[in-house]
Amino acid sequence: MNPDVNIVLIGALASLGAGLMTGVGAIPVLLGRSISRRANDTLLGFAAGVMLSASYFSLIVPGIDAATDQHGSVTIAALIAAGGIALGAIAVAMMNEMLPHEHFIEGREGSDALALAKIWLFIIAITIHNFPEGMAVGIGFGGGNIANGMSLATGIGLQNAPEGLAVAVALRGQGYSKLTAFLIALATGLVEPVGGLIGILAIQISEVLLPWGLTFAAGAMLYVISHEIIPETHRHGHQNAATTGLTIGLILMMVLDVTLG
């Protein structure tokens, strides 16, 4: 098999595996198990920690290294990283602003409609940020570094599980069936292999895009951490538990990146 084709296949499968972890996380709901709000916020904090660590150790640092190798200048590499991070954050912010969501609550009125709207906004937000996560995995493989790609896929898969559980629990709370809640949670992760394939193919086309792609994915993930996940974990008074989860997630992803990468 052509080495390039092999990398594309491995990257696509790895991003698919990471995306499917949203469904794995939602399995307790399918089995009828419940989870406390405190535990849910702790797990989401863990997800934020994994993403934060992956953004720096698996994306920004390799991106700066790649740019330094290409241009022979740390200053240029830092400027490229800054540009990529900014573009990634701006891209997700624009997606958040432009993506329509009103049709999810059409025909509903009162407080139930408001609660449903918030839940679907949360689900849409998770779906939106799963795309750059998948892209990050693909870019990691696209540079030819299988170890870095596997580290990213493992870390992102770990943080997808509590997100899938959060989506399923929220939908069950609004009266959706166990199976429907599970399938929707699973579906939020299935955009990841799409992002993964786009990311890996882009880097295969031009190595010059590697530092830009890595830091772009990092910027997208950092935006989601600050704009979506951390505020959600602090809304119910469990910020201490959520911060503990974040710290554990960050440390675990750092260890994974160092040992696998």
C-alpha atoms as a PDB file:
ATOM      1  CA  MET A   1       0.000   0.000   0.000  1.00  0.00           C
ATOM      2  CA  ASN A   2       1.184   3.524  -0.786  1.00  0.00           C
ATOM      3  CA  PRO A   3       2.550   5.129   2.444  1.00  0.00           C
ATOM      4  CA  ASP A   4       0.428   8.262   1.865  1.00  0.00           C
ATOM      5  CA  VAL A   5      -2.717   6.179   1.425  1.00  0.00           C
ATOM      6  CA  ASN A   6      -1.829   4.227   4.568  1.00  0.00           C
ATOM      7  CA  ILE A   7      -1.480   7.443   6.613  1.00  0.00           C
ATOM      8  CA  VAL A   8      -4.817   8.743   5.288  1.00  0.00           C
ATOM      9  CA  LEU A   9      -6.535   5.473   6.217  1.00  0.00           C
ATOM     10  CA  ILE A  10      -4.997   5.347   9.693  1.00  0.00           C
ATOM     11  CA  GLY A  11      -5.856   8.995  10.346  1.00  0.00           C
ATOM     12  CA  ALA A  12      -9.445   8.575   9.158  1.00  0.00           C
ATOM     13  CA  LEU A  13      -9.965   5.475  11.312  1.00  0.00           C
ATOM     14  CA  ALA A  14      -8.381   7.144  14.348  1.00  0.00           C
ATOM     15  CA  SER A  15     -10.624  10.207  14.052  1.00  0.00           C
ATOM     16  CA  LEU A  16     -13.636   7.906  13.623  1.00  0.00           C
ATOM     17  CA  GLY A  17     -12.647   6.021  16.780  1.00  0.00           C
ATOM     18  CA  ALA A  18     -12.318   9.269  18.713  1.00  0.00           C
ATOM     19  CA  GLY A  19     -15.724  10.412  17.470  1.00  0.00           C
ATOM     20  CA  LEU A  20     -17.404   7.133  18.411  1.00  0.00           C
ATOM     21  CA  MET A  21     -16.326   7.685  22.017  1.00  0.00           C
ATOM     22  CA  THR A  22     -19.263  10.094  22.360  1.00  0.00           C
ATOM     23  CA  GLY A  23     -21.510   7.073  21.971  1.00  0.00           C
ATOM     24  CA  VAL A  24     -19.451   5.074  24.472  1.00  0.00           C
ATOM     25  CA  GLY A  25     -19.888   7.879  26.993  1.00  0.00           C
ATOM     26  CA  ALA A  26     -23.658   7.833  26.472  1.00  0.00           C
ATOM     27  CA  ILE A  27     -24.026   4.080  27.156  1.00  0.00           C
ATOM     28  CA  PRO A  28     -24.966   4.557  30.861  1.00  0.00           C
ATOM     29  CA  VAL A  29     -28.064   6.487  29.750  1.00  0.00           C
ATOM     30  CA  LEU A  30     -28.983   3.703  27.333  1.00  0.00           C
ATOM     31  CA  LEU A  31     -28.743   1.278  30.270  1.00  0.00           C
ATOM     32  CA  GLY A  32     -30.959   3.469  32.423  1.00  0.00           C
ATOM     33  CA  ARG A  33     -28.234   4.798  34.699  1.00  0.00           C
ATOM     34  CA  SER A  34     -28.343   8.379  35.983  1.00  0.00           C
ATOM     35  CA  ILE A  35     -25.516  10.765  36.880  1.00  0.00           C
ATOM     36  CA  SER A  36     -25.472  13.668  39.295  1.00  0.00           C
ATOM     37  CA  ARG A  37     -24.948  17.236  38.118  1.00  0.00           C
ATOM     38  CA  ARG A  38     -21.745  17.405  40.176  1.00  0.00           C
ATOM     39  CA  ALA A  39     -20.337  14.296  38.503  1.00  0.00           C
ATOM     40  CA  ASN A  40     -21.387  15.608  35.100  1.00  0.00           C
ATOM     41  CA  ASP A  41     -19.610  18.935  35.669  1.00  0.00           C
ATOM     42  CA  THR A  42     -16.511  17.111  36.931  1.00  0.00           C
ATOM     43  CA  LEU A  43     -16.408  14.981  33.792  1.00  0.00           C
ATOM     44  CA  LEU A  44     -16.864  18.022  31.552  1.00  0.00           C
ATOM     45  CA  GLY A  45     -14.034  19.707  33.463  1.00  0.00           C
ATOM     46  CA  PHE A  46     -11.939  16.628  32.734  1.00  0.00           C
ATOM     47  CA  ALA A  47     -12.806  17.003  29.037  1.00  0.00           C
ATOM     48  CA  ALA A  48     -11.714  20.651  29.124  1.00  0.00           C
ATOM     49  CA  GLY A  49      -8.395  19.674  30.743  1.00  0.00           C
ATOM     50  CA  VAL A  50      -7.706  17.053  28.088  1.00  0.00           C
ATOM     51  CA  MET A  51      -8.464  19.555  25.322  1.00  0.00           C
ATOM     52  CA  LEU A  52      -6.352  22.250  26.947  1.00  0.00           C
ATOM     53  CA  SER A  53      -3.355  19.950  27.284  1.00  0.00           C
ATOM     54  CA  ALA A  54      -3.782  18.589  23.749  1.00  0.00           C
ATOM     55  CA  SER A  55      -3.974  22.130  22.368  1.00  0.00           C
ATOM     56  CA  TYR A  56      -0.535  22.974  23.715  1.00  0.00           C
ATOM     57  CA  PHE A  57       1.441  19.726  23.841  1.00  0.00           C
ATOM     58  CA  SER A  58       0.019  18.036  20.728  1.00  0.00           C
ATOM     59  CA  LEU A  59      -0.784  21.018  18.512  1.00  0.00           C
ATOM     60  CA  ILE A  60       0.875  24.348  19.358  1.00  0.00           C
ATOM     61  CA  VAL A  61       4.321  23.009  20.310  1.00  0.00           C
ATOM     62  CA  PRO A  62       4.563  20.655  17.266  1.00  0.00           C
ATOM     63  CA  GLY A  63       3.222  23.495  15.106  1.00  0.00           C
ATOM     64  CA  ILE A  64       5.979  25.849  16.269  1.00  0.00           C
ATOM     65  CA  ASP A  65       8.580  23.110  15.757  1.00  0.00           C
ATOM     66  CA  ALA A  66       7.316  22.445  12.211  1.00  0.00           C
ATOM     67  CA  ALA A  67       7.325  26.159  11.357  1.00  0.00           C
ATOM     68  CA  THR A  68      10.833  26.545  12.771  1.00  0.00           C
ATOM     69  CA  ASP A  69      12.076  23.661  10.610  1.00  0.00           C
ATOM     70  CA  GLN A  70      10.435  25.182   7.538  1.00  0.00           C
ATOM     71  CA  HIS A  71      11.580  28.779   7.981  1.00  0.00           C
ATOM     72  CA  GLY A  72      14.664  28.508  10.193  1.00  0.00           C
ATOM     73  CA  SER A  73      13.390  31.262  12.483  1.00  0.00           C
ATOM     74  CA  VAL A  74      11.768  30.986  15.895  1.00  0.00           C
ATOM     75  CA  THR A  75      10.276  34.461  15.472  1.00  0.00           C
ATOM     76  CA  ILE A  76       8.542  33.552  12.203  1.00  0.00           C
ATOM     77  CA  ALA A  77       7.386  30.281  13.777  1.00  0.00           C
ATOM     78  CA  ALA A  78       5.867  32.155  16.728  1.00  0.00           C
ATOM     79  CA  LEU A  79       4.072  34.560  14.378  1.00  0.00           C
ATOM     80  CA  ILE A  80       2.686  31.672  12.324  1.00  0.00           C
ATOM     81  CA  ALA A  81       1.477  29.980  15.513  1.00  0.00           C
ATOM     82  CA  ALA A  82      -0.159  33.207  16.665  1.00  0.00           C
ATOM     83  CA  GLY A  83      -1.889  33.609  13.309  1.00  0.00           C
ATOM     84  CA  GLY A  84      -3.069  30.000  13.230  1.00  0.00           C
ATOM     85  CA  ILE A  85      -4.464  30.149  16.785  1.00  0.00           C
ATOM     86  CA  ALA A  86      -6.290  33.402  16.053  1.00  0.00           C
ATOM     87  CA  LEU A  87      -7.768  32.064  12.808  1.00  0.00           C
ATOM     88  CA  GLY A  88      -8.958  28.877  14.531  1.00  0.00           C
ATOM     89  CA  ALA A  89     -10.702  30.809  17.298  1.00  0.00           C
ATOM     90  CA  ILE A  90     -12.270  33.228  14.810  1.00  0.00           C
ATOM     91  CA  ALA A  91     -13.508  30.368  12.610  1.00  0.00           C
ATOM     92  CA  VAL A  92     -15.365  28.634  15.471  1.00  0.00           C
ATOM     93  CA  ALA A  93     -16.727  31.971  16.732  1.00  0.00           C
ATOM     94  CA  MET A  94     -18.148  32.643  13.264  1.00  0.00           C
ATOM     95  CA  MET A  95     -19.659  29.156  13.106  1.00  0.00           C
ATOM     96  CA  ASN A  96     -21.324  29.782  16.476  1.00  0.00           C
ATOM     97  CA  GLU A  97     -22.788  33.036  15.192  1.00  0.00           C
ATOM     98  CA  MET A  98     -23.904  31.814  11.782  1.00  0.00           C
ATOM     99  CA  LEU A  99     -25.293  28.338  12.491  1.00  0.00           C
ATOM    100  CA  PRO A 100     -29.123  28.386  12.634  1.00  0.00           C
ATOM    101  CA  HIS A 101     -30.809  26.599  15.528  1.00  0.00           C
ATOM    102  CA  GLU A 102     -34.282  28.120  15.946  1.00  0.00           C
ATOM    103  CA  HIS A 103     -35.986  25.303  14.066  1.00  0.00           C
ATOM    104  CA  PHE A 104     -35.300  22.911  16.932  1.00  0.00           C
ATOM    105  CA  ILE A 105     -37.903  24.641  19.133  1.00  0.00           C
ATOM    106  CA  GLU A 106     -40.499  25.510  16.496  1.00  0.00           C
ATOM    107  CA  GLY A 107     -44.002  25.212  17.857  1.00  0.00           C
ATOM    108  CA  ARG A 108     -42.942  25.097  21.522  1.00  0.00           C
ATOM    109  CA  GLU A 109     -43.714  27.818  24.042  1.00  0.00           C
ATOM    110  CA  GLY A 110     -42.932  28.732  27.650  1.00  0.00           C
ATOM    111  CA  SER A 111     -40.176  27.511  29.951  1.00  0.00           C
ATOM    112  CA  ASP A 112     -39.986  24.063  28.356  1.00  0.00           C
ATOM    113  CA  ALA A 113     -39.161  25.641  25.012  1.00  0.00           C
ATOM    114  CA  LEU A 114     -36.456  27.732  26.654  1.00  0.00           C
ATOM    115  CA  ALA A 115     -34.916  24.690  28.331  1.00  0.00           C
ATOM    116  CA  LEU A 116     -35.053  22.743  25.093  1.00  0.00           C
ATOM    117  CA  ALA A 117     -33.410  25.613  23.229  1.00  0.00           C
ATOM    118  CA  LYS A 118     -30.532  25.697  25.700  1.00  0.00           C
ATOM    119  CA  ILE A 119     -30.033  21.947  25.397  1.00  0.00           C
ATOM    120  CA  TRP A 120     -29.969  22.042  21.622  1.00  0.00           C
ATOM    121  CA  LEU A 121     -27.602  24.996  21.654  1.00  0.00           C
ATOM    122  CA  PHE A 122     -25.313  22.913  23.875  1.00  0.00           C
ATOM    123  CA  ILE A 123     -25.615  19.939  21.510  1.00  0.00           C
ATOM    124  CA  ILE A 124     -24.910  22.134  18.474  1.00  0.00           C
ATOM    125  CA  ALA A 125     -21.914  23.658  20.248  1.00  0.00           C
ATOM    126  CA  ILE A 126     -20.477  20.195  20.955  1.00  0.00           C
ATOM    127  CA  THR A 127     -21.088  19.141  17.346  1.00  0.00           C
ATOM    128  CA  ILE A 128     -19.388  22.305  16.075  1.00  0.00           C
ATOM    129  CA  HIS A 129     -16.281  21.811  18.160  1.00  0.00           C
ATOM    130  CA  ASN A 130     -16.071  18.107  17.378  1.00  0.00           C
ATOM    131  CA  PHE A 131     -15.240  19.077  13.793  1.00  0.00           C
ATOM    132  CA  PRO A 132     -11.950  20.865  14.590  1.00  0.00           C
ATOM    133  CA  GLU A 133     -11.116  18.088  17.062  1.00  0.00           C
ATOM    134  CA  GLY A 134     -11.377  15.557  14.248  1.00  0.00           C
ATOM    135  CA  MET A 135      -9.377  17.895  12.043  1.00  0.00           C
ATOM    136  CA  ALA A 136      -6.700  18.067  14.738  1.00  0.00           C
ATOM    137  CA  VAL A 137      -6.367  14.279  14.705  1.00  0.00           C
ATOM    138  CA  GLY A 138      -6.149  14.237  10.915  1.00  0.00           C
ATOM    139  CA  ILE A 139      -3.532  16.994  10.872  1.00  0.00           C
ATOM    140  CA  GLY A 140      -1.532  15.126  13.503  1.00  0.00           C
ATOM    141  CA  PHE A 141      -1.365  12.114  11.206  1.00  0.00           C
ATOM    142  CA  GLY A 142      -0.984  14.218   8.061  1.00  0.00           C
ATOM    143  CA  GLY A 143       2.441  15.388   9.153  1.00  0.00           C
ATOM    144  CA  GLY A 144       3.594  11.753   9.074  1.00  0.00           C
ATOM    145  CA  ASN A 145       3.879  11.548  12.871  1.00  0.00           C
ATOM    146  CA  ILE A 146       1.753   8.529  13.748  1.00  0.00           C
ATOM    147  CA  ALA A 147       2.690   8.702  17.441  1.00  0.00           C
ATOM    148  CA  ASN A 148       1.481  12.315  17.701  1.00  0.00           C
ATOM    149  CA  GLY A 149      -1.700  11.451  15.816  1.00  0.00           C
ATOM    150  CA  MET A 150      -2.419   8.504  18.114  1.00  0.00           C
ATOM    151  CA  SER A 151      -1.788  10.654  21.180  1.00  0.00           C
ATOM    152  CA  LEU A 152      -4.284  13.225  19.912  1.00  0.00           C
ATOM    153  CA  ALA A 153      -6.852  10.579  18.982  1.00  0.00           C
ATOM    154  CA  THR A 154      -6.562   8.957  22.419  1.00  0.00           C
ATOM    155  CA  GLY A 155      -6.853  12.222  24.302  1.00  0.00           C
ATOM    156  CA  ILE A 156      -9.740  13.552  22.241  1.00  0.00           C
ATOM    157  CA  GLY A 157     -11.508  10.205  22.515  1.00  0.00           C
ATOM    158  CA  LEU A 158     -11.163  10.358  26.320  1.00  0.00           C
ATOM    159  CA  GLN A 159     -12.705  13.821  26.493  1.00  0.00           C
ATOM    160  CA  ASN A 160     -15.496  12.905  24.046  1.00  0.00           C
ATOM    161  CA  ALA A 161     -16.931  10.328  26.444  1.00  0.00           C
ATOM    162  CA  PRO A 162     -18.131  12.770  29.150  1.00  0.00           C
ATOM    163  CA  GLU A 163     -19.467  15.089  26.444  1.00  0.00           C
ATOM    164  CA  GLY A 164     -21.540  12.259  24.976  1.00  0.00           C
ATOM    165  CA  LEU A 165     -22.867  11.474  28.443  1.00  0.00           C
ATOM    166  CA  ALA A 166     -23.734  15.138  29.039  1.00  0.00           C
ATOM    167  CA  VAL A 167     -25.710  15.313  25.789  1.00  0.00           C
ATOM    168  CA  ALA A 168     -27.621  12.103  26.507  1.00  0.00           C
ATOM    169  CA  VAL A 169     -28.425  13.112  30.104  1.00  0.00           C
ATOM    170  CA  ALA A 170     -29.689  16.509  28.945  1.00  0.00           C
ATOM    171  CA  LEU A 171     -31.974  14.940  26.338  1.00  0.00           C
ATOM    172  CA  ARG A 172     -33.331  12.363  28.789  1.00  0.00           C
ATOM    173  CA  GLY A 173     -34.162  15.245  31.131  1.00  0.00           C
ATOM    174  CA  GLN A 174     -36.354  16.723  28.391  1.00  0.00           C
ATOM    175  CA  GLY A 175     -38.282  13.494  27.896  1.00  0.00           C
ATOM    176  CA  TYR A 176     -36.433  11.933  24.953  1.00  0.00           C
ATOM    177  CA  SER A 177     -36.275   8.130  24.929  1.00  0.00           C
ATOM    178  CA  LYS A 178     -33.113   6.311  25.989  1.00  0.00           C
ATOM    179  CA  LEU A 179     -32.394   5.187  22.423  1.00  0.00           C
ATOM    180  CA  THR A 180     -32.986   8.628  20.894  1.00  0.00           C
ATOM    181  CA  ALA A 181     -30.781  10.320  23.500  1.00  0.00           C
ATOM    182  CA  PHE A 182     -28.040   7.754  22.863  1.00  0.00           C
ATOM    183  CA  LEU A 183     -28.217   8.064  19.068  1.00  0.00           C
ATOM    184  CA  ILE A 184     -28.121  11.878  19.134  1.00  0.00           C
ATOM    185  CA  ALA A 185     -25.121  11.796  21.476  1.00  0.00           C
ATOM    186  CA  LEU A 186     -23.411   9.339  19.133  1.00  0.00           C
ATOM    187  CA  ALA A 187     -24.221  11.521  16.113  1.00  0.00           C
ATOM    188  CA  THR A 188     -22.509  14.574  17.649  1.00  0.00           C
ATOM    189  CA  GLY A 189     -19.195  12.733  17.356  1.00  0.00           C
ATOM    190  CA  LEU A 190     -19.629  11.538  13.778  1.00  0.00           C
ATOM    191  CA  VAL A 191     -18.489  14.876  12.358  1.00  0.00           C
ATOM    192  CA  GLU A 192     -14.995  14.081  13.671  1.00  0.00           C
ATOM    193  CA  PRO A 193     -13.986  11.649  10.893  1.00  0.00           C
ATOM    194  CA  VAL A 194     -15.139  14.246   8.347  1.00  0.00           C
ATOM    195  CA  GLY A 195     -12.869  16.838   9.957  1.00  0.00           C
ATOM    196  CA  GLY A 196     -10.120  14.239  10.258  1.00  0.00           C
ATOM    197  CA  LEU A 197     -10.224  13.396   6.560  1.00  0.00           C
ATOM    198  CA  ILE A 198     -10.167  17.073   5.560  1.00  0.00           C
ATOM    199  CA  GLY A 199      -7.254  17.762   7.902  1.00  0.00           C
ATOM    200  CA  ILE A 200      -5.109  14.855   6.781  1.00  0.00           C
ATOM    201  CA  LEU A 201      -5.735  15.482   3.064  1.00  0.00           C
ATOM    202  CA  ALA A 202      -4.877  19.173   3.412  1.00  0.00           C
ATOM    203  CA  ILE A 203      -1.521  18.353   4.986  1.00  0.00           C
ATOM    204  CA  GLN A 204      -0.872  15.651   2.393  1.00  0.00           C
ATOM    205  CA  ILE A 205      -1.335  18.270  -0.340  1.00  0.00           C
ATOM    206  CA  SER A 206       1.186  20.692   1.148  1.00  0.00           C
ATOM    207  CA  GLU A 207       3.563  20.340   4.104  1.00  0.00           C
ATOM    208  CA  VAL A 208       3.622  24.139   4.330  1.00  0.00           C
ATOM    209  CA  LEU A 209       0.103  23.939   5.772  1.00  0.00           C
ATOM    210  CA  LEU A 210       1.204  21.715   8.690  1.00  0.00           C
ATOM    211  CA  PRO A 211       2.107  24.446  11.250  1.00  0.00           C
ATOM    212  CA  TRP A 212      -0.918  26.485  10.215  1.00  0.00           C
ATOM    213  CA  GLY A 213      -3.213  23.473  10.489  1.00  0.00           C
ATOM    214  CA  LEU A 214      -1.904  22.387  13.880  1.00  0.00           C
ATOM    215  CA  THR A 215      -2.210  25.845  15.440  1.00  0.00           C
ATOM    216  CA  PHE A 216      -5.561  26.501  13.728  1.00  0.00           C
ATOM    217  CA  ALA A 217      -6.964  23.353  15.365  1.00  0.00           C
ATOM    218  CA  ALA A 218      -5.506  24.476  18.703  1.00  0.00           C
ATOM    219  CA  GLY A 219      -7.155  27.894  18.431  1.00  0.00           C
ATOM    220  CA  ALA A 220     -10.505  26.291  17.642  1.00  0.00           C
ATOM    221  CA  MET A 221     -10.228  23.998  20.662  1.00  0.00           C
ATOM    222  CA  LEU A 222      -9.107  26.804  23.007  1.00  0.00           C
ATOM    223  CA  TYR A 223     -12.119  28.878  21.959  1.00  0.00           C
ATOM    224  CA  VAL A 224     -14.484  26.015  22.753  1.00  0.00           C
ATOM    225  CA  ILE A 225     -12.851  25.402  26.147  1.00  0.00           C
ATOM    226  CA  SER A 226     -13.268  29.033  27.209  1.00  0.00           C
ATOM    227  CA  HIS A 227     -16.551  29.817  25.486  1.00  0.00           C
ATOM    228  CA  GLU A 228     -18.517  26.599  25.947  1.00  0.00           C
ATOM    229  CA  ILE A 229     -17.164  23.989  28.329  1.00  0.00           C
ATOM    230  CA  ILE A 230     -15.770  25.889  31.330  1.00  0.00           C
ATOM    231  CA  PRO A 231     -18.796  28.230  31.648  1.00  0.00           C
ATOM    232  CA  GLU A 232     -21.079  25.188  31.485  1.00  0.00           C
ATOM    233  CA  THR A 233     -19.187  23.416  34.287  1.00  0.00           C
ATOM    234  CA  HIS A 234     -19.371  26.492  36.555  1.00  0.00           C
ATOM    235  CA  ARG A 235     -23.074  27.250  36.122  1.00  0.00           C
ATOM    236  CA  HIS A 236     -24.325  24.992  38.917  1.00  0.00           C
ATOM    237  CA  GLY A 237     -21.918  25.793  41.751  1.00  0.00           C
ATOM    238  CA  HIS A 238     -19.583  22.845  41.173  1.00  0.00           C
ATOM    239  CA  GLN A 239     -16.600  24.864  40.002  1.00  0.00           C
ATOM    240  CA  ASN A 240     -14.238  23.241  42.533  1.00  0.00           C
ATOM    241  CA  ALA A 241     -15.092  19.745  41.302  1.00  0.00           C
ATOM    242  CA  ALA A 242     -14.927  20.905  37.693  1.00  0.00           C
ATOM    243  CA  THR A 243     -11.506  22.485  38.228  1.00  0.00           C
ATOM    244  CA  THR A 244     -10.276  19.269  39.840  1.00  0.00           C
ATOM    245  CA  GLY A 245     -11.509  17.356  36.791  1.00  0.00           C
ATOM    246  CA  LEU A 246      -9.781  19.858  34.501  1.00  0.00           C
ATOM    247  CA  THR A 247      -6.479  19.431  36.334  1.00  0.00           C
ATOM    248  CA  ILE A 248      -6.676  15.627  36.182  1.00  0.00           C
ATOM    249  CA  GLY A 249      -7.550  15.725  32.478  1.00  0.00           C
ATOM    250  CA  LEU A 250      -4.687  18.094  31.700  1.00  0.00           C
ATOM    251  CA  ILE A 251      -2.166  15.940  33.573  1.00  0.00           C
ATOM    252  CA  LEU A 252      -3.406  12.698  31.994  1.00  0.00           C
ATOM    253  CA  MET A 253      -3.230  14.113  28.460  1.00  0.00           C
ATOM    254  CA  MET A 254       0.237  15.527  29.127  1.00  0.00           C
ATOM    255  CA  VAL A 255       1.456  12.102  30.281  1.00  0.00           C
ATOM    256  CA  LEU A 256      -0.146  10.439  27.232  1.00  0.00           C
ATOM    257  CA  ASP A 257       1.471  12.933  24.891  1.00  0.00           C
ATOM    258  CA  VAL A 258       4.921  12.548  26.449  1.00  0.00           C
ATOM    259  CA  THR A 259       4.804   8.755  26.588  1.00  0.00           C
ATOM    260  CA  LEU A 260       3.087   8.141  23.231  1.00  0.00           C
ATOM    261  CA  GLY A 261       4.570  11.065  21.293  1.00  0.00           C
END
